[in-house]
Protein backbone atom coordinates (compact mmCIF):
# COMPACT_ATOMS: atom_id res chain seq x y z
CA MET A 1 -28.70 -5.80 -9.91
CA CYS A 2 -27.40 -6.72 -6.47
CA GLY A 3 -23.91 -7.12 -7.91
CA VAL A 4 -24.06 -3.77 -9.69
CA PHE A 5 -25.17 -2.02 -6.52
CA ALA A 6 -22.43 -3.74 -4.54
CA GLY A 7 -19.89 -2.61 -7.11
CA LEU A 8 -21.18 0.95 -6.96
CA SER A 9 -21.07 1.00 -3.18
CA THR A 10 -17.46 -0.16 -3.10
CA ALA A 11 -16.31 2.04 -5.97
CA ALA A 12 -17.78 5.43 -5.19
CA PRO A 13 -15.61 7.78 -7.22
CA THR A 14 -13.37 10.03 -5.19
CA PHE A 15 -12.40 13.23 -6.93
CA THR A 16 -9.66 15.40 -5.49
CA PRO A 17 -7.97 18.51 -6.88
CA THR A 18 -5.08 16.35 -8.07
CA ARG A 19 -7.40 13.79 -9.66
CA PRO A 20 -10.47 15.63 -10.96
CA GLY A 21 -11.91 12.66 -12.79
CA LEU A 22 -12.29 11.91 -16.46
CA LEU A 23 -12.44 15.02 -18.61
CA PRO A 24 -14.62 15.23 -21.74
CA PRO A 25 -13.00 13.84 -24.91
CA ALA A 26 -10.65 16.20 -26.71
CA SER A 27 -12.01 15.27 -30.16
CA VAL A 28 -14.42 12.97 -31.92
CA GLY A 29 -11.57 10.56 -32.62
CA HIS A 30 -10.58 10.42 -28.97
CA GLY A 31 -14.23 9.87 -28.03
CA ALA A 32 -14.49 6.96 -30.46
CA LEU A 33 -11.19 5.54 -29.20
CA ARG A 34 -12.45 5.79 -25.61
CA LEU A 35 -15.59 3.93 -26.61
CA VAL A 36 -13.71 1.10 -28.30
CA VAL A 37 -11.01 0.72 -25.63
CA GLY A 38 -13.51 0.97 -22.77
CA LEU A 39 -15.82 -1.61 -24.28
CA VAL A 40 -12.98 -4.01 -25.03
CA ILE A 41 -11.81 -3.86 -21.41
CA LEU A 42 -15.31 -4.15 -19.97
CA VAL A 43 -16.49 -6.95 -22.25
CA GLY A 44 -13.16 -8.77 -21.89
CA ALA A 45 -13.43 -8.79 -18.12
CA TRP A 46 -17.10 -9.77 -18.32
CA PHE A 47 -16.44 -12.78 -20.56
CA ALA A 48 -13.33 -13.80 -18.60
CA VAL A 49 -15.43 -14.30 -15.48
CA ARG A 50 -18.16 -15.92 -17.59
CA ALA A 51 -15.65 -18.42 -18.98
CA VAL A 52 -14.52 -19.34 -15.47
CA GLU A 53 -18.17 -19.59 -14.43
CA LYS A 54 -18.98 -22.02 -17.24
CA GLY A 55 -15.80 -24.05 -16.99
CA LEU A 56 -14.97 -24.34 -13.31
CA ALA A 57 -18.19 -23.74 -11.44
CA THR A 58 -19.40 -27.12 -10.31
CA THR A 59 -21.74 -26.11 -7.52
CA THR A 60 -24.68 -23.77 -7.60
CA LEU A 61 -23.24 -21.62 -4.82
CA PHE A 62 -19.96 -21.15 -6.71
CA ARG A 63 -21.86 -20.20 -9.87
CA LEU A 64 -23.90 -17.63 -7.96
CA ALA A 65 -20.74 -16.18 -6.41
CA LEU A 66 -19.10 -15.86 -9.83
CA ARG A 67 -22.23 -14.28 -11.27
CA PHE A 68 -22.14 -11.76 -8.41
CA VAL A 69 -18.48 -11.00 -9.20
CA ARG A 70 -19.30 -10.63 -12.89
CA TYR A 71 -21.88 -7.95 -12.20
CA ALA A 72 -20.02 -6.32 -9.29
CA GLN A 73 -16.91 -5.70 -11.40
CA VAL A 74 -18.70 -3.43 -13.90
CA PRO A 75 -18.82 -0.16 -11.86
CA PRO A 76 -15.19 -0.35 -10.62
CA ILE A 77 -14.01 -1.01 -14.16
CA ILE A 78 -15.99 1.95 -15.51
CA LEU A 79 -15.08 4.32 -12.68
CA PHE A 80 -11.44 3.41 -12.03
CA ALA A 81 -9.79 0.93 -14.40
CA VAL A 82 -10.77 2.41 -17.76
CA PRO A 83 -9.92 6.04 -16.86
CA ALA A 84 -6.52 4.85 -15.61
CA VAL A 85 -5.95 3.09 -18.92
CA PHE A 86 -6.93 6.27 -20.76
CA GLU A 87 -4.37 8.23 -18.72
CA MET A 88 -1.63 5.66 -19.30
CA THR A 89 -2.22 5.47 -23.03
CA GLY A 90 -2.77 9.19 -23.55
CA ILE A 91 -6.35 8.96 -24.82
CA GLN A 92 -7.76 12.37 -24.06
């Protein structure tokens, strides 16, 4: 949970009039597409760090640092990366 809280503290969403945040889905299909794309990005990033953790982490301290990164990346991905991907791909 420490990693999640650290990720939340560094990724507090900033909403301005030019960037109001993620709007509700335009249709059921867009909602399902958001779910699939968002989960693929989130789980892909999660397992990428996990693979590095299992393969390259030789010391306990390095494993703990990678575990922290794995959990700390979740809020920024949800709050910033995935909505940007939705905007770029046109998923409304």
